[in-house]
């Protein structure tokens, strides 16, 4: 998966908030889940439009 396919920001989607591509799920939501002690599996269960591959690659990009 290319970096550009992981996260997008467009004024037409969530007012430009960075979201996982192909979804309306803000990346900040994943960070909030993790900060609250929830697991990635919990996040993916709550947001089935986000793929595990997107989550994994978002961490690689952040490094």
Protein backbone atom coordinates (compact mmCIF):
# COMPACT_ATOMS: atom_id res chain seq x y z
CA UNK A 1 0.00 0.00 0.00
CA UNK A 2 1.43 3.36 -0.96
CA UNK A 3 1.74 6.13 1.58
CA UNK A 4 -0.82 8.23 -0.28
CA UNK A 5 -3.38 5.41 0.05
CA UNK A 6 -3.21 5.38 3.85
CA UNK A 7 -4.38 8.82 4.94
CA UNK A 8 -6.04 11.62 3.01
CA UNK A 9 -7.25 15.10 3.81
CA UNK A 10 -9.76 16.90 1.63
CA UNK A 11 -11.90 19.93 2.35
CA UNK A 12 -14.84 17.88 1.04
CA UNK A 13 -14.40 15.13 3.65
CA UNK A 14 -14.71 15.94 7.35
CA UNK A 15 -13.70 19.56 6.65
CA UNK A 16 -10.14 18.55 5.78
CA UNK A 17 -9.48 16.42 8.87
CA UNK A 18 -6.97 13.65 8.03
CA UNK A 19 -8.94 10.41 7.59
CA UNK A 20 -8.15 6.87 6.59
CA UNK A 21 -8.50 6.81 2.81
CA UNK A 22 -11.88 5.63 1.59
CA UNK A 23 -13.51 6.31 4.95
CA UNK A 24 -14.76 9.19 7.03
CA UNK A 25 -12.83 7.92 10.07
CA UNK A 26 -10.35 10.48 11.40
CA UNK A 27 -6.85 9.21 12.18
CA UNK A 28 -7.18 11.01 15.51
CA UNK A 29 -9.89 8.51 16.45
CA UNK A 30 -7.34 5.68 16.33
CA UNK A 31 -4.97 7.68 18.51
CA UNK A 32 -7.78 8.42 20.96
CA UNK A 33 -8.63 4.71 21.17
CA UNK A 34 -5.02 3.79 21.88
CA UNK A 35 -4.59 6.59 24.41
CA UNK A 36 -7.67 5.29 26.26
CA UNK A 37 -6.09 1.83 26.50
CA UNK A 38 -8.19 0.22 23.77
CA UNK A 39 -6.63 -2.20 21.33
CA UNK A 40 -6.29 -1.95 17.57
CA UNK A 41 -8.74 -4.85 17.34
CA UNK A 42 -11.27 -2.80 19.34
CA UNK A 43 -10.77 0.12 16.97
CA UNK A 44 -11.17 -2.06 13.88
CA UNK A 45 -14.31 -3.64 15.32
CA UNK A 46 -15.79 -0.20 15.89
CA UNK A 47 -14.75 1.11 12.48
CA UNK A 48 -15.01 -1.78 10.00
CA UNK A 49 -14.38 0.51 7.00
CA UNK A 50 -10.77 0.92 8.15
CA UNK A 51 -8.51 -1.96 7.14
CA UNK A 52 -5.84 -3.40 9.42
CA UNK A 53 -3.30 -2.75 6.66
CA UNK A 54 -4.13 0.97 6.81
CA UNK A 55 -3.59 1.04 10.57
CA UNK A 56 -0.30 -0.86 10.30
CA UNK A 57 1.00 1.38 7.54
CA UNK A 58 -0.02 4.53 9.39
CA UNK A 59 2.36 3.54 12.18
CA UNK A 60 5.17 2.93 9.69
CA UNK A 61 4.61 6.37 8.17
CA UNK A 62 4.65 7.94 11.63
CA UNK A 63 8.07 6.46 12.35
